[in-house]
Amino acid sequence: MSSLLPLKPAAASVRDRALTPLLVELDDDDADEVLSALSSATARRLLAAVYDDPRPASELADALDTTLQTVGYHVERLVDAELIEPVTTWVSAQGREMAVYGPTRSAVVLFAGAERTESKLSSGLRTLVAGVGVTLVGSVAVQALWTARRPQVRYAAPAPTPASPTPEPSVAEFVSAFLAGPGALVLLVGVVLAVLVSLGAVWTQRRV
């Protein structure tokens, strides 16, 4: 019976894992741990290596031309700093399981500045949400005003019948009337303007 070892399943790429970048401002509390973990040139080369190709500690030692003990030390510190993590497991020809390490983020960015990129994006998102909210309220108000001022078709008065409550329009009827009226146009134009204003604000802040 042929052996199935070694088993080396491919690790998912950074894009396939849908990772997000890590943005660390130099005066953040998290910066100390990240900078400490990356203070050694070996650690920085190790991090770059797992971005190129996730692999176990033994292969990282070969790639960096250093000892397994040195790699193990830096791997532990990088894991503690949440810069790398086990992404799959390989099985050696001797049947020993080996953790394969890959990056936890799509990129690691250390920066200094008065404003944070995350704040700029959050500001743009808040502007977009506020703009869409105001537009939605305005479009409903325009639709209600338009409906109230529409000429009503009058018919001959029918024979009196017992009073009964006027049925409330269904959701489908309301949506249909909204789409057929000016409210939908106001909403569409408002959303487009809100998106353009938000993108313009983020772009302007990025250039400052």
N, C-alpha and C. Protein backbone atom coordinates (compact mmCIF):
# COMPACT_ATOMS: atom_id res chain seq x y z
N MET A 1 0.85 -1.19 0.00
CA MET A 1 0.00 0.00 0.00
C MET A 1 0.88 1.24 0.00
N SER A 2 0.63 2.13 -0.95
CA SER A 2 1.47 3.31 -1.07
C SER A 2 1.18 4.29 0.05
N SER A 3 2.20 5.05 0.45
CA SER A 3 2.05 6.03 1.52
C SER A 3 1.44 7.31 0.98
N LEU A 4 0.62 7.94 1.79
CA LEU A 4 0.02 9.22 1.41
C LEU A 4 0.83 10.40 1.94
N LEU A 5 1.96 10.13 2.56
CA LEU A 5 2.77 11.18 3.17
C LEU A 5 3.94 11.53 2.24
N PRO A 6 4.41 12.77 2.24
CA PRO A 6 3.89 13.87 3.07
C PRO A 6 2.63 14.51 2.47
N LEU A 7 1.80 15.08 3.30
CA LEU A 7 0.60 15.79 2.87
C LEU A 7 0.84 17.28 3.01
N LYS A 8 0.71 18.01 1.93
CA LYS A 8 0.95 19.45 1.94
C LYS A 8 -0.20 20.18 1.25
N PRO A 9 -1.33 20.33 1.94
CA PRO A 9 -2.44 21.08 1.34
C PRO A 9 -2.05 22.53 1.12
N ALA A 10 -2.49 23.08 0.00
CA ALA A 10 -2.14 24.47 -0.31
C ALA A 10 -2.85 25.41 0.65
N ALA A 11 -2.13 26.42 1.11
CA ALA A 11 -2.73 27.44 1.97
C ALA A 11 -3.43 28.48 1.11
N ALA A 12 -4.57 28.94 1.59
CA ALA A 12 -5.32 29.96 0.85
C ALA A 12 -4.48 31.24 0.76
N SER A 13 -4.60 31.93 -0.37
CA SER A 13 -3.84 33.16 -0.56
C SER A 13 -4.43 34.28 0.29
N VAL A 14 -3.68 35.37 0.38
CA VAL A 14 -4.15 36.52 1.14
C VAL A 14 -5.47 37.02 0.58
N ARG A 15 -5.59 37.05 -0.73
CA ARG A 15 -6.84 37.54 -1.36
C ARG A 15 -7.99 36.59 -1.09
N ASP A 16 -7.74 35.27 -1.18
CA ASP A 16 -8.81 34.30 -0.95
C ASP A 16 -9.31 34.34 0.49
N ARG A 17 -8.44 34.70 1.42
CA ARG A 17 -8.85 34.75 2.83
C ARG A 17 -9.53 36.07 3.18
N ALA A 18 -9.64 36.97 2.23
CA ALA A 18 -10.33 38.26 2.43
C ALA A 18 -9.77 39.01 3.63
N LEU A 19 -8.45 39.11 3.69
CA LEU A 19 -7.81 39.80 4.81
C LEU A 19 -7.86 41.31 4.61
N THR A 20 -7.81 42.04 5.71
CA THR A 20 -7.81 43.49 5.67
C THR A 20 -6.44 44.00 6.13
N PRO A 21 -6.05 45.21 5.72
CA PRO A 21 -4.75 45.73 6.15
C PRO A 21 -4.75 46.14 7.61
N LEU A 22 -3.58 46.09 8.22
CA LEU A 22 -3.39 46.54 9.59
C LEU A 22 -2.74 47.92 9.54
N LEU A 23 -3.45 48.94 10.03
CA LEU A 23 -2.94 50.31 10.06
C LEU A 23 -2.58 50.65 11.50
N VAL A 24 -1.31 50.91 11.75
CA VAL A 24 -0.84 51.18 13.10
C VAL A 24 -0.16 52.53 13.14
N GLU A 25 -0.75 53.48 13.88
CA GLU A 25 -0.11 54.77 14.06
C GLU A 25 1.00 54.62 15.10
N LEU A 26 2.10 55.33 14.91
CA LEU A 26 3.27 55.12 15.75
C LEU A 26 3.05 55.45 17.22
N ASP A 27 2.08 56.30 17.52
CA ASP A 27 1.82 56.60 18.93
C ASP A 27 0.66 55.81 19.50
N ASP A 28 0.21 54.77 18.79
CA ASP A 28 -0.83 53.87 19.30
C ASP A 28 -0.23 52.91 20.34
N ASP A 29 -1.11 52.41 21.19
CA ASP A 29 -0.66 51.40 22.16
C ASP A 29 -0.21 50.12 21.46
N ASP A 30 -0.86 49.78 20.33
CA ASP A 30 -0.51 48.55 19.61
C ASP A 30 0.85 48.65 18.93
N ALA A 31 1.33 49.87 18.72
CA ALA A 31 2.58 50.03 17.97
C ALA A 31 3.76 49.42 18.72
N ASP A 32 3.76 49.49 20.04
CA ASP A 32 4.88 48.95 20.81
C ASP A 32 5.07 47.46 20.55
N GLU A 33 3.97 46.71 20.58
CA GLU A 33 4.07 45.26 20.39
C GLU A 33 4.48 44.93 18.96
N VAL A 34 3.92 45.65 17.99
CA VAL A 34 4.26 45.39 16.59
C VAL A 34 5.72 45.73 16.33
N LEU A 35 6.16 46.89 16.80
CA LEU A 35 7.55 47.29 16.58
C LEU A 35 8.52 46.37 17.30
N SER A 36 8.14 45.91 18.49
CA SER A 36 9.00 44.99 19.22
C SER A 36 9.15 43.67 18.48
N ALA A 37 8.03 43.15 17.95
CA ALA A 37 8.08 41.89 17.22
C ALA A 37 8.89 42.01 15.94
N LEU A 38 8.93 43.21 15.35
CA LEU A 38 9.63 43.42 14.08
C LEU A 38 10.97 44.12 14.25
N SER A 39 11.45 44.20 15.48
CA SER A 39 12.72 44.91 15.73
C SER A 39 13.91 44.18 15.13
N SER A 40 13.80 42.88 14.94
CA SER A 40 14.90 42.09 14.38
C SER A 40 14.75 41.98 12.86
N ALA A 41 15.89 42.06 12.16
CA ALA A 41 15.87 41.89 10.71
C ALA A 41 15.37 40.49 10.33
N THR A 42 15.70 39.49 11.16
CA THR A 42 15.23 38.13 10.90
C THR A 42 13.72 38.06 10.97
N ALA A 43 13.13 38.74 11.95
CA ALA A 43 11.67 38.74 12.08
C ALA A 43 11.02 39.40 10.87
N ARG A 44 11.60 40.48 10.38
CA ARG A 44 11.04 41.17 9.22
C ARG A 44 11.17 40.31 7.97
N ARG A 45 12.28 39.62 7.82
CA ARG A 45 12.44 38.71 6.68
C ARG A 45 11.47 37.54 6.78
N LEU A 46 11.23 37.07 7.99
CA LEU A 46 10.30 35.96 8.20
C LEU A 46 8.88 36.39 7.82
N LEU A 47 8.49 37.59 8.25
CA LEU A 47 7.15 38.08 7.91
C LEU A 47 6.99 38.22 6.40
N ALA A 48 8.03 38.76 5.74
CA ALA A 48 7.97 38.89 4.29
C ALA A 48 7.89 37.52 3.62
N ALA A 49 8.56 36.53 4.20
CA ALA A 49 8.57 35.19 3.61
C ALA A 49 7.19 34.54 3.65
N VAL A 50 6.45 34.71 4.76
CA VAL A 50 5.13 34.07 4.82
C VAL A 50 4.12 34.80 3.93
N TYR A 51 4.38 36.09 3.62
CA TYR A 51 3.53 36.76 2.63
C TYR A 51 3.79 36.18 1.25
N ASP A 52 5.05 35.87 0.96
CA ASP A 52 5.37 35.28 -0.34
C ASP A 52 4.80 33.88 -0.47
N ASP A 53 4.93 33.09 0.61
CA ASP A 53 4.51 31.69 0.54
C ASP A 53 4.37 31.14 1.96
N PRO A 54 3.15 30.92 2.45
CA PRO A 54 2.99 30.33 3.80
C PRO A 54 3.71 29.00 3.88
N ARG A 55 4.39 28.76 5.01
CA ARG A 55 5.18 27.53 5.16
C ARG A 55 5.44 27.27 6.64
N PRO A 56 5.84 26.05 6.99
CA PRO A 56 6.13 25.73 8.39
C PRO A 56 7.47 26.30 8.83
N ALA A 57 7.71 26.23 10.13
CA ALA A 57 8.93 26.81 10.69
C ALA A 57 10.19 26.19 10.09
N SER A 58 10.16 24.89 9.84
CA SER A 58 11.36 24.23 9.30
C SER A 58 11.74 24.78 7.93
N GLU A 59 10.75 25.01 7.07
CA GLU A 59 11.05 25.55 5.75
C GLU A 59 11.40 27.03 5.82
N LEU A 60 10.84 27.73 6.79
CA LEU A 60 11.23 29.13 6.99
C LEU A 60 12.70 29.21 7.41
N ALA A 61 13.13 28.27 8.25
CA ALA A 61 14.54 28.25 8.67
C ALA A 61 15.45 28.03 7.47
N ASP A 62 15.05 27.12 6.58
CA ASP A 62 15.85 26.88 5.37
C ASP A 62 15.87 28.12 4.47
N ALA A 63 14.71 28.76 4.31
CA ALA A 63 14.62 29.91 3.43
C ALA A 63 15.43 31.09 3.95
N LEU A 64 15.47 31.24 5.27
CA LEU A 64 16.19 32.37 5.87
C LEU A 64 17.62 32.01 6.23
N ASP A 65 18.01 30.76 6.00
CA ASP A 65 19.36 30.27 6.31
C ASP A 65 19.71 30.55 7.78
N THR A 66 18.80 30.10 8.65
CA THR A 66 19.03 30.26 10.09
C THR A 66 18.56 29.00 10.79
N THR A 67 18.64 28.98 12.10
CA THR A 67 18.29 27.77 12.84
C THR A 67 16.80 27.71 13.11
N LEU A 68 16.33 26.49 13.37
CA LEU A 68 14.92 26.30 13.69
C LEU A 68 14.58 26.97 15.01
N GLN A 69 15.51 27.00 15.95
CA GLN A 69 15.26 27.64 17.23
C GLN A 69 15.06 29.15 17.06
N THR A 70 15.84 29.77 16.19
CA THR A 70 15.69 31.20 15.93
C THR A 70 14.35 31.50 15.29
N VAL A 71 13.98 30.69 14.32
CA VAL A 71 12.68 30.88 13.67
C VAL A 71 11.54 30.68 14.65
N GLY A 72 11.66 29.65 15.48
CA GLY A 72 10.61 29.39 16.46
C GLY A 72 10.41 30.56 17.41
N TYR A 73 11.52 31.20 17.80
CA TYR A 73 11.44 32.35 18.70
C TYR A 73 10.69 33.51 18.04
N HIS A 74 11.05 33.81 16.81
CA HIS A 74 10.41 34.93 16.12
C HIS A 74 8.97 34.60 15.72
N VAL A 75 8.72 33.36 15.37
CA VAL A 75 7.35 32.96 15.05
C VAL A 75 6.43 33.19 16.26
N GLU A 76 6.90 32.80 17.43
CA GLU A 76 6.11 32.98 18.64
C GLU A 76 5.80 34.46 18.89
N ARG A 77 6.79 35.33 18.69
CA ARG A 77 6.59 36.76 18.92
C ARG A 77 5.66 37.36 17.87
N LEU A 78 5.78 36.93 16.64
CA LEU A 78 4.91 37.43 15.58
C LEU A 78 3.47 36.96 15.76
N VAL A 79 3.30 35.75 16.26
CA VAL A 79 1.96 35.25 16.56
C VAL A 79 1.35 36.05 17.71
N ASP A 80 2.14 36.33 18.74
CA ASP A 80 1.65 37.12 19.87
C ASP A 80 1.25 38.53 19.43
N ALA A 81 1.96 39.08 18.47
CA ALA A 81 1.64 40.41 17.95
C ALA A 81 0.52 40.36 16.91
N GLU A 82 0.00 39.16 16.64
CA GLU A 82 -1.10 38.95 15.69
C GLU A 82 -0.72 39.41 14.28
N LEU A 83 0.53 39.14 13.92
CA LEU A 83 0.99 39.44 12.56
C LEU A 83 0.99 38.21 11.68
N ILE A 84 1.17 37.03 12.27
CA ILE A 84 1.06 35.77 11.54
C ILE A 84 0.23 34.80 12.37
N GLU A 85 -0.22 33.72 11.71
CA GLU A 85 -1.04 32.72 12.39
C GLU A 85 -0.97 31.41 11.61
N PRO A 86 -1.26 30.27 12.27
CA PRO A 86 -1.33 29.00 11.52
C PRO A 86 -2.52 29.04 10.56
N VAL A 87 -2.28 28.73 9.30
CA VAL A 87 -3.35 28.78 8.29
C VAL A 87 -3.72 27.40 7.77
N THR A 88 -2.85 26.41 7.97
CA THR A 88 -3.16 25.04 7.61
C THR A 88 -2.14 24.14 8.29
N THR A 89 -2.22 22.85 8.04
CA THR A 89 -1.30 21.89 8.66
C THR A 89 -0.74 20.97 7.58
N TRP A 90 0.55 20.75 7.62
CA TRP A 90 1.20 19.78 6.76
C TRP A 90 1.58 18.56 7.59
N VAL A 91 1.70 17.43 6.91
CA VAL A 91 2.15 16.19 7.55
C VAL A 91 3.43 15.75 6.87
N SER A 92 4.48 15.60 7.66
CA SER A 92 5.78 15.23 7.10
C SER A 92 5.80 13.76 6.72
N ALA A 93 6.89 13.35 6.06
CA ALA A 93 7.05 11.95 5.67
C ALA A 93 7.13 11.04 6.89
N GLN A 94 7.50 11.58 8.03
CA GLN A 94 7.56 10.80 9.27
C GLN A 94 6.21 10.80 10.01
N GLY A 95 5.20 11.44 9.43
CA GLY A 95 3.88 11.47 10.04
C GLY A 95 3.71 12.56 11.09
N ARG A 96 4.60 13.50 11.12
CA ARG A 96 4.52 14.57 12.12
C ARG A 96 3.78 15.77 11.54
N GLU A 97 2.80 16.28 12.30
CA GLU A 97 2.04 17.45 11.86
C GLU A 97 2.86 18.72 12.08
N MET A 98 2.81 19.61 11.10
CA MET A 98 3.53 20.87 11.19
C MET A 98 2.58 22.01 10.86
N ALA A 99 2.54 23.01 11.73
CA ALA A 99 1.72 24.20 11.48
C ALA A 99 2.34 25.02 10.37
N VAL A 100 1.51 25.44 9.44
CA VAL A 100 1.95 26.29 8.35
C VAL A 100 1.51 27.72 8.67
N TYR A 101 2.47 28.65 8.67
CA TYR A 101 2.18 30.02 9.10
C TYR A 101 1.98 30.93 7.89
N GLY A 102 0.96 31.78 8.03
CA GLY A 102 0.68 32.78 7.02
C GLY A 102 0.32 34.10 7.68
N PRO A 103 0.19 35.17 6.92
CA PRO A 103 -0.10 36.48 7.50
C PRO A 103 -1.54 36.58 8.00
N THR A 104 -1.75 37.41 9.00
CA THR A 104 -3.10 37.65 9.51
C THR A 104 -3.77 38.83 8.80
N ARG A 105 -2.99 39.66 8.15
CA ARG A 105 -3.52 40.84 7.47
C ARG A 105 -2.99 40.90 6.05
N SER A 106 -3.73 41.61 5.18
CA SER A 106 -3.29 41.74 3.79
C SER A 106 -2.05 42.61 3.67
N ALA A 107 -1.84 43.49 4.64
CA ALA A 107 -0.65 44.34 4.67
C ALA A 107 -0.49 44.90 6.07
N VAL A 108 0.73 45.28 6.42
CA VAL A 108 1.02 45.93 7.70
C VAL A 108 1.59 47.30 7.40
N VAL A 109 0.90 48.34 7.87
CA VAL A 109 1.29 49.72 7.56
C VAL A 109 1.52 50.47 8.87
N LEU A 110 2.74 50.92 9.08
CA LEU A 110 3.07 51.78 10.22
C LEU A 110 3.17 53.21 9.71
N PHE A 111 2.49 54.14 10.36
CA PHE A 111 2.49 55.51 9.86
C PHE A 111 2.46 56.49 11.02
N ALA A 112 2.82 57.73 10.70
CA ALA A 112 2.76 58.82 11.66
C ALA A 112 2.03 59.98 11.00
N GLY A 113 1.20 60.67 11.77
CA GLY A 113 0.46 61.79 11.22
C GLY A 113 -0.60 62.25 12.18
N ALA A 114 -1.11 63.46 11.91
CA ALA A 114 -2.12 64.03 12.80
C ALA A 114 -3.46 63.36 12.63
N GLU A 115 -3.73 62.85 11.41
CA GLU A 115 -5.01 62.22 11.14
C GLU A 115 -4.79 60.78 10.74
N ARG A 116 -5.71 59.93 11.15
CA ARG A 116 -5.61 58.52 10.82
C ARG A 116 -6.43 58.21 9.60
N THR A 117 -5.92 57.32 8.75
CA THR A 117 -6.65 56.92 7.56
C THR A 117 -7.99 56.33 7.92
N GLU A 118 -8.04 55.53 9.00
CA GLU A 118 -9.30 54.92 9.40
C GLU A 118 -10.32 55.99 9.74
N SER A 119 -9.89 57.10 10.36
CA SER A 119 -10.80 58.18 10.72
C SER A 119 -11.36 58.84 9.47
N LYS A 120 -10.53 59.00 8.47
CA LYS A 120 -10.99 59.60 7.22
C LYS A 120 -12.05 58.74 6.56
N LEU A 121 -11.81 57.44 6.52
CA LEU A 121 -12.79 56.54 5.93
C LEU A 121 -14.08 56.53 6.74
N SER A 122 -13.96 56.54 8.05
CA SER A 122 -15.14 56.57 8.91
C SER A 122 -15.92 57.86 8.70
N SER A 123 -15.20 58.98 8.54
CA SER A 123 -15.86 60.25 8.31
C SER A 123 -16.63 60.23 6.99
N GLY A 124 -16.01 59.67 5.96
CA GLY A 124 -16.70 59.56 4.67
C GLY A 124 -17.92 58.68 4.75
N LEU A 125 -17.82 57.59 5.51
CA LEU A 125 -18.96 56.70 5.66
C LEU A 125 -20.10 57.38 6.42
N ARG A 126 -19.74 58.12 7.47
CA ARG A 126 -20.78 58.85 8.21
C ARG A 126 -21.47 59.88 7.32
N THR A 127 -20.70 60.56 6.49
CA THR A 127 -21.28 61.53 5.57
C THR A 127 -22.24 60.85 4.60
N LEU A 128 -21.86 59.69 4.11
CA LEU A 128 -22.71 58.95 3.18
C LEU A 128 -24.02 58.52 3.85
N VAL A 129 -23.91 57.94 5.06
CA VAL A 129 -25.10 57.47 5.77
C VAL A 129 -26.04 58.63 6.07
N ALA A 130 -25.46 59.76 6.53
CA ALA A 130 -26.29 60.92 6.84
C ALA A 130 -26.98 61.46 5.59
N GLY A 131 -26.23 61.51 4.49
CA GLY A 131 -26.81 62.01 3.25
C GLY A 131 -27.94 61.13 2.74
N VAL A 132 -27.75 59.81 2.81
CA VAL A 132 -28.80 58.89 2.37
C VAL A 132 -30.02 59.00 3.27
N GLY A 133 -29.79 59.15 4.59
CA GLY A 133 -30.91 59.28 5.52
C GLY A 133 -31.74 60.52 5.25
N VAL A 134 -31.07 61.65 5.07
CA VAL A 134 -31.78 62.90 4.77
C VAL A 134 -32.53 62.78 3.45
N THR A 135 -31.89 62.17 2.46
CA THR A 135 -32.52 62.00 1.15
C THR A 135 -33.77 61.12 1.25
N LEU A 136 -33.69 60.06 2.04
CA LEU A 136 -34.83 59.17 2.20
C LEU A 136 -36.02 59.90 2.82
N VAL A 137 -35.75 60.67 3.89
CA VAL A 137 -36.83 61.43 4.53
C VAL A 137 -37.42 62.44 3.56
N GLY A 138 -36.54 63.14 2.82
CA GLY A 138 -37.02 64.14 1.87
C GLY A 138 -37.84 63.53 0.75
N SER A 139 -37.43 62.35 0.26
CA SER A 139 -38.17 61.72 -0.84
C SER A 139 -39.55 61.26 -0.39
N VAL A 140 -39.64 60.75 0.85
CA VAL A 140 -40.95 60.34 1.38
C VAL A 140 -41.85 61.56 1.54
N ALA A 141 -41.27 62.70 2.00
CA ALA A 141 -42.07 63.92 2.16
C ALA A 141 -42.57 64.42 0.81
N VAL A 142 -41.69 64.39 -0.21
CA VAL A 142 -42.09 64.81 -1.55
C VAL A 142 -43.18 63.91 -2.09
N GLN A 143 -43.05 62.59 -1.87
CA GLN A 143 -44.05 61.65 -2.34
C GLN A 143 -45.39 61.90 -1.66
N ALA A 144 -45.38 62.15 -0.33
CA ALA A 144 -46.62 62.39 0.40
C ALA A 144 -47.30 63.67 -0.08
N LEU A 145 -46.51 64.74 -0.30
CA LEU A 145 -47.06 66.00 -0.78
C LEU A 145 -47.65 65.85 -2.17
N TRP A 146 -46.94 65.11 -3.01
CA TRP A 146 -47.42 64.90 -4.38
C TRP A 146 -48.72 64.10 -4.38
N THR A 147 -48.79 63.08 -3.53
CA THR A 147 -50.00 62.27 -3.44
C THR A 147 -51.17 63.09 -2.93
N ALA A 148 -50.91 63.94 -1.94
CA ALA A 148 -52.00 64.74 -1.36
C ALA A 148 -52.54 65.77 -2.35
N ARG A 149 -51.72 66.27 -3.25
CA ARG A 149 -52.14 67.32 -4.18
C ARG A 149 -52.61 66.80 -5.51
N ARG A 150 -52.56 65.48 -5.68
CA ARG A 150 -53.04 64.90 -6.94
C ARG A 150 -54.54 65.09 -7.05
N PRO A 151 -55.06 65.45 -8.23
CA PRO A 151 -56.52 65.57 -8.38
C PRO A 151 -57.19 64.23 -8.19
N GLN A 152 -58.26 64.22 -7.43
CA GLN A 152 -58.99 63.00 -7.15
C GLN A 152 -60.15 62.84 -8.14
N VAL A 153 -60.32 61.66 -8.66
CA VAL A 153 -61.43 61.37 -9.57
C VAL A 153 -62.70 61.22 -8.74
N ARG A 154 -63.72 62.00 -9.10
CA ARG A 154 -64.97 61.99 -8.34
C ARG A 154 -66.02 61.17 -9.08
N TYR A 155 -66.77 60.42 -8.37
CA TYR A 155 -67.85 59.59 -8.92
C TYR A 155 -69.15 60.00 -8.25
N ALA A 156 -70.23 59.54 -8.84
CA ALA A 156 -71.53 59.79 -8.22
C ALA A 156 -71.57 59.14 -6.85
N ALA A 157 -72.19 59.82 -5.93
CA ALA A 157 -72.21 59.32 -4.56
C ALA A 157 -72.97 58.01 -4.51
N PRO A 158 -72.40 56.96 -4.00
CA PRO A 158 -73.10 55.67 -3.90
C PRO A 158 -74.10 55.70 -2.75
N ALA A 159 -74.91 54.69 -2.75
CA ALA A 159 -75.89 54.57 -1.66
C ALA A 159 -75.15 54.42 -0.35
N PRO A 160 -75.67 55.06 0.68
CA PRO A 160 -74.98 54.99 1.98
C PRO A 160 -74.85 53.55 2.45
N THR A 161 -73.71 53.26 2.96
CA THR A 161 -73.45 51.93 3.51
C THR A 161 -72.93 52.10 4.91
N PRO A 162 -73.02 51.07 5.70
CA PRO A 162 -72.50 51.16 7.07
C PRO A 162 -71.04 51.57 7.07
N ALA A 163 -70.69 52.44 7.98
CA ALA A 163 -69.31 52.93 8.05
C ALA A 163 -68.36 51.78 8.33
N SER A 164 -67.26 51.77 7.63
CA SER A 164 -66.25 50.74 7.84
C SER A 164 -64.89 51.40 7.80
N PRO A 165 -63.92 50.90 8.52
CA PRO A 165 -62.58 51.52 8.53
C PRO A 165 -61.92 51.44 7.17
N THR A 166 -61.25 52.54 6.80
CA THR A 166 -60.53 52.57 5.53
C THR A 166 -59.31 51.66 5.61
N PRO A 167 -59.19 50.70 4.70
CA PRO A 167 -58.05 49.78 4.78
C PRO A 167 -56.73 50.51 4.53
N GLU A 168 -55.73 50.14 5.31
CA GLU A 168 -54.41 50.72 5.12
C GLU A 168 -53.76 50.12 3.87
N PRO A 169 -53.05 50.95 3.10
CA PRO A 169 -52.37 50.39 1.92
C PRO A 169 -51.31 49.39 2.33
N SER A 170 -51.16 48.35 1.53
CA SER A 170 -50.15 47.34 1.82
C SER A 170 -48.77 47.89 1.49
N VAL A 171 -47.75 47.15 1.93
CA VAL A 171 -46.38 47.57 1.65
C VAL A 171 -46.12 47.58 0.15
N ALA A 172 -46.63 46.57 -0.54
CA ALA A 172 -46.43 46.50 -1.99
C ALA A 172 -47.08 47.68 -2.69
N GLU A 173 -48.27 48.06 -2.23
CA GLU A 173 -48.97 49.21 -2.84
C GLU A 173 -48.19 50.50 -2.58
N PHE A 174 -47.67 50.64 -1.36
CA PHE A 174 -46.91 51.85 -1.04
C PHE A 174 -45.65 51.93 -1.89
N VAL A 175 -44.92 50.81 -2.00
CA VAL A 175 -43.69 50.81 -2.80
C VAL A 175 -43.99 51.09 -4.26
N SER A 176 -45.10 50.50 -4.77
CA SER A 176 -45.47 50.72 -6.16
C SER A 176 -45.79 52.19 -6.42
N ALA A 177 -46.54 52.80 -5.49
CA ALA A 177 -46.87 54.21 -5.64
C ALA A 177 -45.63 55.09 -5.53
N PHE A 178 -44.73 54.70 -4.63
CA PHE A 178 -43.49 55.47 -4.44
C PHE A 178 -42.64 55.44 -5.70
N LEU A 179 -42.51 54.25 -6.30
CA LEU A 179 -41.69 54.12 -7.50
C LEU A 179 -42.30 54.85 -8.69
N ALA A 180 -43.62 54.95 -8.70
CA ALA A 180 -44.30 55.62 -9.81
C ALA A 180 -44.34 57.13 -9.63
N GLY A 181 -44.05 57.62 -8.44
CA GLY A 181 -44.12 59.05 -8.17
C GLY A 181 -42.76 59.71 -8.18
N PRO A 182 -42.72 60.99 -7.82
CA PRO A 182 -41.45 61.74 -7.82
C PRO A 182 -40.52 61.36 -6.67
N GLY A 183 -41.04 60.66 -5.65
CA GLY A 183 -40.19 60.31 -4.51
C GLY A 183 -39.00 59.46 -4.92
N ALA A 184 -39.23 58.51 -5.83
CA ALA A 184 -38.13 57.63 -6.26
C ALA A 184 -37.04 58.42 -6.97
N LEU A 185 -37.45 59.40 -7.80
CA LEU A 185 -36.46 60.22 -8.51
C LEU A 185 -35.65 61.06 -7.52
N VAL A 186 -36.32 61.64 -6.53
CA VAL A 186 -35.63 62.43 -5.52
C VAL A 186 -34.64 61.55 -4.75
N LEU A 187 -35.07 60.32 -4.40
CA LEU A 187 -34.19 59.41 -3.67
C LEU A 187 -32.98 59.04 -4.50
N LEU A 188 -33.18 58.73 -5.78
CA LEU A 188 -32.07 58.34 -6.65
C LEU A 188 -31.05 59.47 -6.79
N VAL A 189 -31.54 60.66 -7.07
CA VAL A 189 -30.63 61.80 -7.24
C VAL A 189 -29.90 62.10 -5.93
N GLY A 190 -30.61 62.01 -4.81
CA GLY A 190 -30.00 62.29 -3.52
C GLY A 190 -28.92 61.29 -3.16
N VAL A 191 -29.15 60.01 -3.44
CA VAL A 191 -28.16 58.98 -3.13
C VAL A 191 -26.90 59.19 -3.98
N VAL A 192 -27.09 59.48 -5.26
CA VAL A 192 -25.93 59.72 -6.14
C VAL A 192 -25.12 60.91 -5.64
N LEU A 193 -25.81 61.99 -5.26
CA LEU A 193 -25.10 63.16 -4.76
C LEU A 193 -24.38 62.85 -3.45
N ALA A 194 -25.02 62.06 -2.56
CA ALA A 194 -24.39 61.70 -1.28
C ALA A 194 -23.13 60.88 -1.51
N VAL A 195 -23.17 59.96 -2.45
CA VAL A 195 -21.99 59.14 -2.76
C VAL A 195 -20.88 60.01 -3.31
N LEU A 196 -21.22 60.92 -4.22
CA LEU A 196 -20.19 61.79 -4.81
C LEU A 196 -19.57 62.71 -3.77
N VAL A 197 -20.41 63.26 -2.88
CA VAL A 197 -19.89 64.14 -1.84
C VAL A 197 -18.97 63.37 -0.89
N SER A 198 -19.36 62.13 -0.51
CA SER A 198 -18.55 61.32 0.40
C SER A 198 -17.22 60.97 -0.23
N LEU A 199 -17.24 60.55 -1.50
CA LEU A 199 -15.98 60.21 -2.17
C LEU A 199 -15.09 61.44 -2.32
N GLY A 200 -15.71 62.58 -2.61
CA GLY A 200 -14.94 63.81 -2.71
C GLY A 200 -14.30 64.20 -1.40
N ALA A 201 -15.03 64.00 -0.30
CA ALA A 201 -14.49 64.35 1.02
C ALA A 201 -13.30 63.46 1.38
N VAL A 202 -13.44 62.15 1.13
CA VAL A 202 -12.34 61.22 1.43
C VAL A 202 -11.13 61.52 0.55
N TRP A 203 -11.37 61.81 -0.72
CA TRP A 203 -10.25 62.09 -1.63
C TRP A 203 -9.54 63.37 -1.22
N THR A 204 -10.30 64.39 -0.82
CA THR A 204 -9.69 65.66 -0.40
C THR A 204 -8.85 65.45 0.85
N GLN A 205 -9.35 64.66 1.83
CA GLN A 205 -8.61 64.42 3.06
C GLN A 205 -7.34 63.63 2.80
N ARG A 206 -7.38 62.70 1.86
CA ARG A 206 -6.20 61.91 1.55
C ARG A 206 -5.09 62.75 0.92
N ARG A 207 -5.45 63.84 0.25
CA ARG A 207 -4.46 64.67 -0.41
C ARG A 207 -3.90 65.74 0.51
N VAL A 208 -4.54 65.90 1.69
CA VAL A 208 -4.06 66.94 2.63
C VAL A 208 -2.76 66.46 3.28
